[in-house]
PDB file of N, CA and C in Angstrom:
ATOM      1  N   MET A   1      76.918  -5.201  30.432  1.00  0.00           N
ATOM      2  CA  MET A   1      76.925  -4.131  31.257  1.00  0.00           C
ATOM      3  C   MET A   1      77.445  -5.476  32.172  1.00  0.00           C
ATOM      4  N   THR A   2      78.525  -4.648  33.291  1.00  0.00           N
ATOM      5  CA  THR A   2      79.170  -5.373  34.197  1.00  0.00           C
ATOM      6  C   THR A   2      77.913  -5.524  35.463  1.00  0.00           C
ATOM      7  N   GLN A   3      78.634  -7.004  35.756  1.00  0.00           N
ATOM      8  CA  GLN A   3      77.337  -7.301  36.841  1.00  0.00           C
ATOM      9  C   GLN A   3      77.530  -6.326  38.314  1.00  0.00           C
ATOM     10  N   VAL A   4      76.402  -5.826  39.067  1.00  0.00           N
ATOM     11  CA  VAL A   4      76.162  -5.262  39.763  1.00  0.00           C
ATOM     12  C   VAL A   4      75.737  -5.799  41.431  1.00  0.00           C
ATOM     13  N   SER A   5      75.494  -7.044  41.478  1.00  0.00           N
ATOM     14  CA  SER A   5      75.361  -7.736  42.197  1.00  0.00           C
ATOM     15  C   SER A   5      76.858  -8.239  43.185  1.00  0.00           C
ATOM     16  N   ILE A   6      77.230  -7.960  44.697  1.00  0.00           N
ATOM     17  CA  ILE A   6      77.790  -8.100  44.936  1.00  0.00           C
ATOM     18  C   ILE A   6      78.079  -9.852  45.755  1.00  0.00           C
ATOM     19  N   GLU A   7      76.198  -9.925  45.485  1.00  0.00           N
ATOM     20  CA  GLU A   7      76.354 -11.344  46.305  1.00  0.00           C
ATOM     21  C   GLU A   7      77.126 -12.559  45.010  1.00  0.00           C
ATOM     22  N   GLY A   8      77.157 -13.283  46.063  1.00  0.00           N
ATOM     23  CA  GLY A   8      78.484 -14.513  45.461  1.00  0.00           C
ATOM     24  C   GLY A   8      79.344 -14.953  46.345  1.00  0.00           C
ATOM     25  N   LYS A   9      80.284 -16.079  45.553  1.00  0.00           N
ATOM     26  CA  LYS A   9      81.698 -16.527  46.355  1.00  0.00           C
ATOM     27  C   LYS A   9      82.984 -15.735  46.193  1.00  0.00           C
ATOM     28  N   TRP A  10      83.291 -15.699  46.418  1.00  0.00           N
ATOM     29  CA  TRP A  10      84.974 -14.757  46.548  1.00  0.00           C
ATOM     30  C   TRP A  10      85.734 -15.313  46.856  1.00  0.00           C
ATOM     31  N   ILE A  11      87.504 -14.970  46.198  1.00  0.00           N
ATOM     32  CA  ILE A  11      88.970 -15.183  46.935  1.00  0.00           C
ATOM     33  C   ILE A  11      89.386 -14.222  46.634  1.00  0.00           C
ATOM     34  N   LEU A  12      90.175 -13.972  48.098  1.00  0.00           N
ATOM     35  CA  LEU A  12      90.820 -13.559  47.470  1.00  0.00           C
ATOM     36  C   LEU A  12      91.952 -12.967  47.389  1.00  0.00           C
ATOM     37  N   LYS A  13      92.066 -12.148  46.472  1.00  0.00           N
ATOM     38  CA  LYS A  13      93.637 -12.293  45.306  1.00  0.00           C
ATOM     39  C   LYS A  13      95.212 -11.701  46.233  1.00  0.00           C
ATOM     40  N   SER A  14      94.615 -10.105  46.661  1.00  0.00           N
ATOM     41  CA  SER A  14      95.748  -9.410  47.368  1.00  0.00           C
ATOM     42  C   SER A  14      94.690  -8.448  48.904  1.00  0.00           C
ATOM     43  N   GLY A  15      95.632  -7.708  49.750  1.00  0.00           N
ATOM     44  CA  GLY A  15      94.981  -6.188  50.085  1.00  0.00           C
ATOM     45  C   GLY A  15      95.662  -6.206  51.493  1.00  0.00           C
ATOM     46  N   ILE A  16      96.411  -7.881  51.949  1.00  0.00           N
ATOM     47  CA  ILE A  16      96.051  -7.454  53.279  1.00  0.00           C
ATOM     48  C   ILE A  16      97.922  -8.025  53.532  1.00  0.00           C
ATOM     49  N   GLY A  17      98.941  -7.326  52.863  1.00  0.00           N
ATOM     50  CA  GLY A  17     100.139  -7.242  53.073  1.00  0.00           C
ATOM     51  C   GLY A  17     101.314  -7.621  51.479  1.00  0.00           C
ATOM     52  N   ALA A  18     101.963  -7.773  51.821  1.00  0.00           N
ATOM     53  CA  ALA A  18     103.014  -8.164  50.423  1.00  0.00           C
ATOM     54  C   ALA A  18     102.327  -9.315  49.743  1.00  0.00           C
ATOM     55  N   GLN A  19     102.264 -10.625  50.472  1.00  0.00           N
ATOM     56  CA  GLN A  19     100.868 -11.296  49.685  1.00  0.00           C
ATOM     57  C   GLN A  19     100.570 -11.811  50.364  1.00  0.00           C
ATOM     58  N   LEU A  20      99.869 -13.287  49.742  1.00  0.00           N
ATOM     59  CA  LEU A  20      99.070 -13.994  51.035  1.00  0.00           C
ATOM     60  C   LEU A  20      99.964 -15.415  51.622  1.00  0.00           C
ATOM     61  N   LEU A  21      99.753 -15.541  52.500  1.00  0.00           N
ATOM     62  CA  LEU A  21     100.549 -17.423  52.909  1.00  0.00           C
ATOM     63  C   LEU A  21     100.051 -17.970  52.422  1.00  0.00           C
ATOM     64  N   PRO A  22     100.965 -19.013  51.159  1.00  0.00           N
ATOM     65  CA  PRO A  22     101.065 -20.130  51.031  1.00  0.00           C
ATOM     66  C   PRO A  22     100.107 -21.048  51.614  1.00  0.00           C
ATOM     67  N   ASN A  23      99.563 -21.975  51.479  1.00  0.00           N
ATOM     68  CA  ASN A  23      98.639 -22.842  51.899  1.00  0.00           C
ATOM     69  C   ASN A  23      97.789 -22.480  52.703  1.00  0.00           C
ATOM     70  N   THR A  24      96.957 -20.877  52.140  1.00  0.00           N
ATOM     71  CA  THR A  24      95.656 -20.121  52.686  1.00  0.00           C
ATOM     72  C   THR A  24      95.148 -19.578  51.797  1.00  0.00           C
ATOM     73  N   LYS A  25      93.602 -19.968  52.097  1.00  0.00           N
ATOM     74  CA  LYS A  25      93.181 -19.140  50.830  1.00  0.00           C
ATOM     75  C   LYS A  25      91.382 -19.068  52.428  1.00  0.00           C
ATOM     76  N   ILE A  26      91.134 -17.244  51.448  1.00  0.00           N
ATOM     77  CA  ILE A  26      91.097 -16.417  51.998  1.00  0.00           C
ATOM     78  C   ILE A  26      89.104 -16.087  50.916  1.00  0.00           C
ATOM     79  N   THR A  27      88.145 -16.645  51.761  1.00  0.00           N
ATOM     80  CA  THR A  27      87.157 -16.615  50.962  1.00  0.00           C
ATOM     81  C   THR A  27      86.108 -15.841  51.242  1.00  0.00           C
ATOM     82  N   ALA A  28      85.033 -15.196  50.628  1.00  0.00           N
ATOM     83  CA  ALA A  28      83.940 -14.713  51.317  1.00  0.00           C
ATOM     84  C   ALA A  28      83.038 -15.105  50.294  1.00  0.00           C
ATOM     85  N   GLU A  29      81.599 -15.308  50.649  1.00  0.00           N
ATOM     86  CA  GLU A  29      80.453 -15.102  50.405  1.00  0.00           C
ATOM     87  C   GLU A  29      79.131 -13.954  50.539  1.00  0.00           C
ATOM     88  N   PHE A  30      78.545 -13.286  50.252  1.00  0.00           N
ATOM     89  CA  PHE A  30      77.680 -12.562  50.343  1.00  0.00           C
ATOM     90  C   PHE A  30      76.054 -13.098  50.004  1.00  0.00           C
ATOM     91  N   LYS A  31      75.195 -13.541  50.483  1.00  0.00           N
ATOM     92  CA  LYS A  31      74.130 -13.870  50.351  1.00  0.00           C
ATOM     93  C   LYS A  31      72.960 -13.256  51.120  1.00  0.00           C
ATOM     94  N   GLY A  32      71.940 -12.891  51.002  1.00  0.00           N
ATOM     95  CA  GLY A  32      70.713 -12.171  51.271  1.00  0.00           C
ATOM     96  C   GLY A  32      71.042 -11.987  53.041  1.00  0.00           C
ATOM     97  N   GLY A  33      72.219 -11.005  52.929  1.00  0.00           N
ATOM     98  CA  GLY A  33      72.638 -10.128  53.751  1.00  0.00           C
ATOM     99  C   GLY A  33      73.289 -10.429  54.906  1.00  0.00           C
ATOM    100  N   ARG A  34      74.168 -11.792  54.975  1.00  0.00           N
ATOM    101  CA  ARG A  34      75.025 -12.400  55.087  1.00  0.00           C
ATOM    102  C   ARG A  34      76.417 -12.722  54.759  1.00  0.00           C
ATOM    103  N   LEU A  35      77.176 -12.087  55.549  1.00  0.00           N
ATOM    104  CA  LEU A  35      78.648 -12.667  55.430  1.00  0.00           C
ATOM    105  C   LEU A  35      79.469 -13.791  55.609  1.00  0.00           C
ATOM    106  N   SER A  36      79.955 -14.343  54.695  1.00  0.00           N
ATOM    107  CA  SER A  36      80.823 -16.208  55.703  1.00  0.00           C
ATOM    108  C   SER A  36      81.244 -16.829  54.640  1.00  0.00           C
ATOM    109  N   GLY A  37      82.527 -17.368  55.017  1.00  0.00           N
ATOM    110  CA  GLY A  37      83.675 -17.436  54.146  1.00  0.00           C
ATOM    111  C   GLY A  37      84.911 -18.384  55.500  1.00  0.00           C
ATOM    112  N   ASN A  38      85.927 -18.177  54.900  1.00  0.00           N
ATOM    113  CA  ASN A  38      87.219 -18.894  55.556  1.00  0.00           C
ATOM    114  C   ASN A  38      88.283 -17.689  55.352  1.00  0.00           C
ATOM    115  N   GLY A  39      88.927 -17.291  57.034  1.00  0.00           N
ATOM    116  CA  GLY A  39      89.827 -16.151  57.169  1.00  0.00           C
ATOM    117  C   GLY A  39      91.225 -16.494  57.107  1.00  0.00           C
ATOM    118  N   GLY A  40      91.403 -18.158  56.405  1.00  0.00           N
ATOM    119  CA  GLY A  40      92.916 -18.961  56.294  1.00  0.00           C
ATOM    120  C   GLY A  40      93.257 -19.320  56.808  1.00  0.00           C
ATOM    121  N   CYS A  41      92.110 -19.612  58.293  1.00  0.00           N
ATOM    122  CA  CYS A  41      92.229 -20.789  59.004  1.00  0.00           C
ATOM    123  C   CYS A  41      90.727 -20.704  59.785  1.00  0.00           C
ATOM    124  N   ASN A  42      90.731 -19.614  60.132  1.00  0.00           N
ATOM    125  CA  ASN A  42      89.176 -19.857  60.584  1.00  0.00           C
ATOM    126  C   ASN A  42      88.066 -19.393  60.067  1.00  0.00           C
ATOM    127  N   GLN A  43      86.128 -20.229  60.047  1.00  0.00           N
ATOM    128  CA  GLN A  43      85.201 -19.404  59.309  1.00  0.00           C
ATOM    129  C   GLN A  43      84.761 -18.487  60.213  1.00  0.00           C
ATOM    130  N   TYR A  44      84.303 -18.050  59.726  1.00  0.00           N
ATOM    131  CA  TYR A  44      83.890 -16.525  60.018  1.00  0.00           C
ATOM    132  C   TYR A  44      82.187 -15.786  59.283  1.00  0.00           C
ATOM    133  N   ASN A  45      82.117 -14.954  60.277  1.00  0.00           N
ATOM    134  CA  ASN A  45      80.583 -14.728  59.019  1.00  0.00           C
ATOM    135  C   ASN A  45      80.433 -12.989  60.121  1.00  0.00           C
ATOM    136  N   ALA A  46      79.413 -12.531  59.357  1.00  0.00           N
ATOM    137  CA  ALA A  46      78.252 -11.079  60.025  1.00  0.00           C
ATOM    138  C   ALA A  46      77.345 -11.036  58.864  1.00  0.00           C
ATOM    139  N   SER A  47      76.874  -9.939  59.545  1.00  0.00           N
ATOM    140  CA  SER A  47      75.701  -9.483  58.566  1.00  0.00           C
ATOM    141  C   SER A  47      76.350  -8.672  57.507  1.00  0.00           C
ATOM    142  N   TYR A  48      75.775  -8.110  56.640  1.00  0.00           N
ATOM    143  CA  TYR A  48      76.165  -6.491  55.795  1.00  0.00           C
ATOM    144  C   TYR A  48      74.757  -6.378  54.917  1.00  0.00           C
ATOM    145  N   GLN A  49      75.315  -4.599  55.178  1.00  0.00           N
ATOM    146  CA  GLN A  49      74.032  -4.084  54.790  1.00  0.00           C
ATOM    147  C   GLN A  49      74.531  -3.307  53.315  1.00  0.00           C
ATOM    148  N   GLN A  50      73.367  -3.082  52.735  1.00  0.00           N
ATOM    149  CA  GLN A  50      73.662  -2.103  51.098  1.00  0.00           C
ATOM    150  C   GLN A  50      72.385  -1.145  51.611  1.00  0.00           C
ATOM    151  N   PRO A  51      73.306  -0.276  51.600  1.00  0.00           N
ATOM    152  CA  PRO A  51      72.298   1.167  51.461  1.00  0.00           C
ATOM    153  C   PRO A  51      72.054   2.049  50.629  1.00  0.00           C
ATOM    154  N   GLN A  52      70.691   2.114  50.928  1.00  0.00           N
ATOM    155  CA  GLN A  52      69.843   2.297  48.798  1.00  0.00           C
ATOM    156  C   GLN A  52      69.950   3.378  48.479  1.00  0.00           C
ATOM    157  N   ASP A  53      70.386   4.646  49.686  1.00  0.00           N
ATOM    158  CA  ASP A  53      70.053   6.313  49.370  1.00  0.00           C
ATOM    159  C   ASP A  53      71.017   6.420  48.570  1.00  0.00           C
ATOM    160  N   ASP A  54      72.123   6.216  47.839  1.00  0.00           N
ATOM    161  CA  ASP A  54      72.760   6.825  46.856  1.00  0.00           C
ATOM    162  C   ASP A  54      73.545   5.768  45.690  1.00  0.00           C
ATOM    163  N   GLY A  55      72.510   4.353  45.921  1.00  0.00           N
ATOM    164  CA  GLY A  55      72.651   3.137  45.379  1.00  0.00           C
ATOM    165  C   GLY A  55      74.281   2.059  45.192  1.00  0.00           C
ATOM    166  N   PHE A  56      74.027   2.476  43.995  1.00  0.00           N
ATOM    167  CA  PHE A  56      75.494   1.233  44.025  1.00  0.00           C
ATOM    168  C   PHE A  56      76.908   1.297  44.710  1.00  0.00           C
ATOM    169  N   GLY A  57      77.541   0.618  45.308  1.00  0.00           N
ATOM    170  CA  GLY A  57      79.236   0.959  45.975  1.00  0.00           C
ATOM    171  C   GLY A  57      79.014   1.314  47.858  1.00  0.00           C
ATOM    172  N   LYS A  58      78.037   1.200  48.152  1.00  0.00           N
ATOM    173  CA  LYS A  58      78.401   1.681  49.562  1.00  0.00           C
ATOM    174  C   LYS A  58      78.009  -0.039  49.995  1.00  0.00           C
ATOM    175  N   ILE A  59      78.342  -0.304  51.355  1.00  0.00           N
ATOM    176  CA  ILE A  59      77.998  -1.485  52.073  1.00  0.00           C
ATOM    177  C   ILE A  59      78.669  -1.204  53.609  1.00  0.00           C
ATOM    178  N   HIS A  60      78.384  -1.798  54.264  1.00  0.00           N
ATOM    179  CA  HIS A  60      78.143  -1.722  56.122  1.00  0.00           C
ATOM    180  C   HIS A  60      78.568  -2.801  56.460  1.00  0.00           C
ATOM    181  N   ILE A  61      79.663  -3.455  56.992  1.00  0.00           N
ATOM    182  CA  ILE A  61      79.603  -5.103  57.476  1.00  0.00           C
ATOM    183  C   ILE A  61      79.805  -5.308  59.023  1.00  0.00           C
ATOM    184  N   GLY A  62      78.575  -5.814  59.626  1.00  0.00           N
ATOM    185  CA  GLY A  62      78.332  -5.713  61.041  1.00  0.00           C
ATOM    186  C   GLY A  62      80.051  -6.564  61.430  1.00  0.00           C
ATOM    187  N   LYS A  63      79.668  -6.508  63.149  1.00  0.00           N
ATOM    188  CA  LYS A  63      80.957  -7.288  63.862  1.00  0.00           C
ATOM    189  C   LYS A  63      80.574  -8.885  63.092  1.00  0.00           C
ATOM    190  N   ILE A  64      82.089  -8.892  62.916  1.00  0.00           N
ATOM    191  CA  ILE A  64      82.354 -10.617  62.686  1.00  0.00           C
ATOM    192  C   ILE A  64      82.968 -10.860  63.880  1.00  0.00           C
ATOM    193  N   ALA A  65      81.894 -12.185  64.163  1.00  0.00           N
ATOM    194  CA  ALA A  65      81.773 -13.375  64.777  1.00  0.00           C
ATOM    195  C   ALA A  65      83.276 -14.451  63.835  1.00  0.00           C
ATOM    196  N   SER A  66      84.389 -15.475  64.401  1.00  0.00           N
ATOM    197  CA  SER A  66      84.714 -16.537  63.925  1.00  0.00           C
ATOM    198  C   SER A  66      84.704 -17.680  65.349  1.00  0.00           C
ATOM    199  N   THR A  67      85.209 -18.812  64.352  1.00  0.00           N
ATOM    200  CA  THR A  67      85.679 -19.939  65.031  1.00  0.00           C
ATOM    201  C   THR A  67      87.132 -19.875  65.622  1.00  0.00           C
ATOM    202  N   LYS A  68      87.734 -20.406  66.881  1.00  0.00           N
ATOM    203  CA  LYS A  68      88.509 -20.131  67.111  1.00  0.00           C
ATOM    204  C   LYS A  68      89.327 -20.914  67.001  1.00  0.00           C
ATOM    205  N   ILE A  69      90.142 -21.557  65.820  1.00  0.00           N
ATOM    206  CA  ILE A  69      90.662 -22.388  65.362  1.00  0.00           C
ATOM    207  C   ILE A  69      92.202 -22.442  65.964  1.00  0.00           C
ATOM    208  N   PHE A  70      93.271 -23.563  66.176  1.00  0.00           N
ATOM    209  CA  PHE A  70      94.321 -23.114  66.530  1.00  0.00           C
ATOM    210  C   PHE A  70      95.133 -23.074  65.286  1.00  0.00           C
ATOM    211  N   CYS A  71      95.499 -22.036  65.396  1.00  0.00           N
ATOM    212  CA  CYS A  71      96.980 -21.931  64.278  1.00  0.00           C
ATOM    213  C   CYS A  71      97.922 -20.914  64.102  1.00  0.00           C
ATOM    214  N   SER A  72      99.397 -21.298  62.835  1.00  0.00           N
ATOM    215  CA  SER A  72     100.444 -20.491  63.358  1.00  0.00           C
ATOM    216  C   SER A  72      99.873 -19.065  63.288  1.00  0.00           C
ATOM    217  N   GLU A  73     101.740 -18.507  64.497  1.00  0.00           N
ATOM    218  CA  GLU A  73     101.239 -16.832  64.969  1.00  0.00           C
ATOM    219  C   GLU A  73     100.534 -15.909  63.911  1.00  0.00           C
ATOM    220  N   GLU A  74     101.860 -16.744  62.572  1.00  0.00           N
ATOM    221  CA  GLU A  74     101.278 -15.887  60.945  1.00  0.00           C
ATOM    222  C   GLU A  74     100.404 -16.490  60.165  1.00  0.00           C
ATOM    223  N   ILE A  75      99.690 -17.387  60.428  1.00  0.00           N
ATOM    224  CA  ILE A  75      98.378 -17.135  60.068  1.00  0.00           C
ATOM    225  C   ILE A  75      97.575 -16.684  60.782  1.00  0.00           C
ATOM    226  N   ASN A  76      97.603 -16.408  61.798  1.00  0.00           N
ATOM    227  CA  ASN A  76      96.760 -16.236  62.761  1.00  0.00           C
ATOM    228  C   ASN A  76      97.007 -14.186  62.797  1.00  0.00           C
ATOM    229  N   SER A  77      97.831 -13.838  62.044  1.00  0.00           N
ATOM    230  CA  SER A  77      98.148 -12.047  62.207  1.00  0.00           C
ATOM    231  C   SER A  77      97.264 -11.686  60.326  1.00  0.00           C
ATOM    232  N   GLN A  78      97.661 -13.145  59.563  1.00  0.00           N
ATOM    233  CA  GLN A  78      96.951 -12.618  58.464  1.00  0.00           C
ATOM    234  C   GLN A  78      95.526 -12.076  58.732  1.00  0.00           C
ATOM    235  N   GLU A  79      95.041 -13.600  59.246  1.00  0.00           N
ATOM    236  CA  GLU A  79      93.421 -13.223  59.477  1.00  0.00           C
ATOM    237  C   GLU A  79      93.539 -12.295  59.841  1.00  0.00           C
ATOM    238  N   SER A  80      93.572 -12.328  61.650  1.00  0.00           N
ATOM    239  CA  SER A  80      93.471 -11.173  62.230  1.00  0.00           C
ATOM    240  C   SER A  80      93.702  -9.412  61.766  1.00  0.00           C
ATOM    241  N   SER A  81      94.700  -9.355  60.099  1.00  0.00           N
ATOM    242  CA  SER A  81      94.573  -8.218  59.136  1.00  0.00           C
ATOM    243  C   SER A  81      93.651  -8.280  58.380  1.00  0.00           C
ATOM    244  N   TYR A  82      93.284  -9.481  57.880  1.00  0.00           N
ATOM    245  CA  TYR A  82      92.267  -9.611  56.888  1.00  0.00           C
ATOM    246  C   TYR A  82      90.726  -8.733  58.111  1.00  0.00           C
ATOM    247  N   PHE A  83      90.584  -9.441  59.019  1.00  0.00           N
ATOM    248  CA  PHE A  83      89.288  -9.169  59.620  1.00  0.00           C
ATOM    249  C   PHE A  83      89.021  -7.917  60.029  1.00  0.00           C
ATOM    250  N   GLN A  84      90.600  -7.302  60.844  1.00  0.00           N
ATOM    251  CA  GLN A  84      90.206  -6.008  60.459  1.00  0.00           C
ATOM    252  C   GLN A  84      90.003  -5.349  59.589  1.00  0.00           C
ATOM    253  N   ALA A  85      90.703  -5.392  58.399  1.00  0.00           N
ATOM    254  CA  ALA A  85      90.194  -4.168  56.967  1.00  0.00           C
ATOM    255  C   ALA A  85      88.857  -4.118  56.702  1.00  0.00           C
ATOM    256  N   LEU A  86      88.523  -5.991  56.413  1.00  0.00           N
ATOM    257  CA  LEU A  86      87.043  -6.235  55.992  1.00  0.00           C
ATOM    258  C   LEU A  86      85.600  -5.301  56.689  1.00  0.00           C
ATOM    259  N   GLN A  87      86.790  -5.362  58.131  1.00  0.00           N
ATOM    260  CA  GLN A  87      85.214  -4.371  59.408  1.00  0.00           C
ATOM    261  C   GLN A  87      85.586  -2.734  59.288  1.00  0.00           C
ATOM    262  N   GLN A  88      86.615  -2.047  57.982  1.00  0.00           N
ATOM    263  CA  GLN A  88      86.783  -1.269  57.914  1.00  0.00           C
ATOM    264  C   GLN A  88      85.895  -0.481  56.325  1.00  0.00           C
ATOM    265  N   VAL A  89      86.033  -1.519  55.306  1.00  0.00           N
ATOM    266  CA  VAL A  89      85.538  -1.597  54.006  1.00  0.00           C
ATOM    267  C   VAL A  89      83.730  -0.612  54.365  1.00  0.00           C
ATOM    268  N   ARG A  90      83.836   0.420  53.717  1.00  0.00           N
ATOM    269  CA  ARG A  90      82.611   0.904  53.507  1.00  0.00           C
ATOM    270  C   ARG A  90      81.791   1.031  52.261  1.00  0.00           C
ATOM    271  N   GLU A  91      83.105   0.811  51.217  1.00  0.00           N
ATOM    272  CA  GLU A  91      82.685   1.099  49.918  1.00  0.00           C
ATOM    273  C   GLU A  91      82.964  -0.081  49.332  1.00  0.00           C
ATOM    274  N   TYR A  92      82.115  -0.608  48.201  1.00  0.00           N
ATOM    275  CA  TYR A  92      82.916  -1.361  46.823  1.00  0.00           C
ATOM    276  C   TYR A  92      82.665  -1.332  45.198  1.00  0.00           C
ATOM    277  N   GLU A  93      83.520  -2.023  44.696  1.00  0.00           N
ATOM    278  CA  GLU A  93      83.354  -1.831  43.166  1.00  0.00           C
ATOM    279  C   GLU A  93      83.370  -2.765  42.319  1.00  0.00           C
ATOM    280  N   LEU A  94      82.794  -3.163  41.462  1.00  0.00           N
ATOM    281  CA  LEU A  94      83.067  -4.518  40.862  1.00  0.00           C
ATOM    282  C   LEU A  94      83.339  -4.598  39.408  1.00  0.00           C
ATOM    283  N   THR A  95      84.358  -5.326  39.001  1.00  0.00           N
ATOM    284  CA  THR A  95      84.518  -5.188  37.539  1.00  0.00           C
ATOM    285  C   THR A  95      83.824  -6.635  37.395  1.00  0.00           C
ATOM    286  N   ASP A  96      83.795  -6.868  35.374  1.00  0.00           N
ATOM    287  CA  ASP A  96      84.008  -8.080  34.941  1.00  0.00           C
ATOM    288  C   ASP A  96      83.644  -9.310  35.923  1.00  0.00           C
ATOM    289  N   GLU A  97      85.501  -9.489  36.302  1.00  0.00           N
ATOM    290  CA  GLU A  97      86.144 -10.277  37.232  1.00  0.00           C
ATOM    291  C   GLU A  97      86.001 -10.569  38.597  1.00  0.00           C
ATOM    292  N   ASP A  98      86.546  -8.784  39.349  1.00  0.00           N
ATOM    293  CA  ASP A  98      86.971  -8.839  40.543  1.00  0.00           C
ATOM    294  C   ASP A  98      85.874  -7.817  41.835  1.00  0.00           C
ATOM    295  N   LEU A  99      85.940  -8.293  42.642  1.00  0.00           N
ATOM    296  CA  LEU A  99      85.508  -7.188  43.965  1.00  0.00           C
ATOM    297  C   LEU A  99      86.850  -6.570  44.470  1.00  0.00           C
ATOM    298  N   ILE A 100      86.756  -4.987  44.008  1.00  0.00           N
ATOM    299  CA  ILE A 100      87.178  -4.294  45.105  1.00  0.00           C
ATOM    300  C   ILE A 100      87.176  -3.678  46.044  1.00  0.00           C
ATOM    301  N   MET A 101      87.916  -3.462  46.805  1.00  0.00           N
ATOM    302  CA  MET A 101      86.580  -3.151  48.894  1.00  0.00           C
ATOM    303  C   MET A 101      88.042  -2.332  49.538  1.00  0.00           C
ATOM    304  N   PRO A 102      87.945  -0.732  49.165  1.00  0.00           N
ATOM    305  CA  PRO A 102      88.919  -0.177  49.915  1.00  0.00           C
ATOM    306  C   PRO A 102      89.231  -0.274  51.302  1.00  0.00           C
ATOM    307  N   TYR A 103      89.777  -0.008  51.836  1.00  0.00           N
ATOM    308  CA  TYR A 103      89.739   0.311  53.107  1.00  0.00           C
ATOM    309  C   TYR A 103      90.620   1.309  53.720  1.00  0.00           C
ATOM    310  N   PRO A 104      90.552   1.892  54.971  1.00  0.00           N
ATOM    311  CA  PRO A 104      91.959   2.770  55.927  1.00  0.00           C
ATOM    312  C   PRO A 104      93.057   2.565  56.148  1.00  0.00           C
ATOM    313  N   SER A 105      93.992   3.285  56.585  1.00  0.00           N
ATOM    314  CA  SER A 105      94.612   3.162  57.406  1.00  0.00           C
ATOM    315  C   SER A 105      95.479   1.545  57.706  1.00  0.00           C
ATOM    316  N   PRO A 106      96.463   2.127  56.070  1.00  0.00           N
ATOM    317  CA  PRO A 106      96.304   2.822  55.553  1.00  0.00           C
ATOM    318  C   PRO A 106      96.250   2.433  54.490  1.00  0.00           C
ATOM    319  N   TRP A 107      96.495   3.306  53.694  1.00  0.00           N
ATOM    320  CA  TRP A 107      94.530   3.281  52.177  1.00  0.00           C
ATOM    321  C   TRP A 107      95.528   2.427  51.729  1.00  0.00           C
ATOM    322  N   ARG A 108      94.523   1.218  51.438  1.00  0.00           N
ATOM    323  CA  ARG A 108      93.866  -0.084  50.513  1.00  0.00           C
ATOM    324  C   ARG A 108      92.833  -0.353  49.957  1.00  0.00           C
ATOM    325  N   TYR A 109      93.032  -1.909  49.747  1.00  0.00           N
ATOM    326  CA  TYR A 109      92.075  -2.403  49.255  1.00  0.00           C
ATOM    327  C   TYR A 109      91.872  -4.054  49.284  1.00  0.00           C
ATOM    328  N   LEU A 110      91.150  -4.665  49.477  1.00  0.00           N
ATOM    329  CA  LEU A 110      90.827  -6.185  49.418  1.00  0.00           C
ATOM    330  C   LEU A 110      90.611  -6.096  48.264  1.00  0.00           C
ATOM    331  N   LEU A 111      90.780  -6.762  46.960  1.00  0.00           N
ATOM    332  CA  LEU A 111      91.035  -7.407  45.764  1.00  0.00           C
ATOM    333  C   LEU A 111      90.413  -8.533  45.723  1.00  0.00           C
ATOM    334  N   PHE A 112      89.146  -9.195  45.522  1.00  0.00           N
ATOM    335  CA  PHE A 112      88.835 -10.437  45.173  1.00  0.00           C
ATOM    336  C   PHE A 112      88.538 -11.248  43.771  1.00  0.00           C
ATOM    337  N   THR A 113      88.470 -11.788  43.663  1.00  0.00           N
ATOM    338  CA  THR A 113      88.073 -12.836  42.137  1.00  0.00           C
ATOM    339  C   THR A 113      87.055 -13.308  42.665  1.00  0.00           C
ATOM    340  N   ARG A 114      86.131 -13.690  41.687  1.00  0.00           N
ATOM    341  CA  ARG A 114      84.072 -14.176  41.962  1.00  0.00           C
ATOM    342  C   ARG A 114      84.986 -16.216  41.652  1.00  0.00           C
ATOM    343  N   GLN A 115      84.678 -16.655  42.443  1.00  0.00           N
ATOM    344  CA  GLN A 115      84.728 -18.348  42.668  1.00  0.00           C
ATOM    345  C   GLN A 115      84.053 -18.909  41.585  1.00  0.00           C
TER     346      GLN A 115
END
């Protein structure tokens, strides 16, 4: 049976452009209603809730707060795209190895793999 818990540490593989910039690692850790990680430059955190009304697959991510480390314009742009996408996520799907989080505008998805 596929694991149904979103909790754990994840690394972003794709979903915010053609490909991730070299030497950047975008992470997400879901634990006890708190989301934290690295956006490629800055540490971030937010709350998250998983509504139980229809069970599996729904999520609401609260407002993201992050540190303000100076990074290149290119890395800042990638990080901003990631944060914007993450704020739009309303559902997710888990496979054996991956976390898929679709978001609109344009229709895409964040693809994470377990760390």
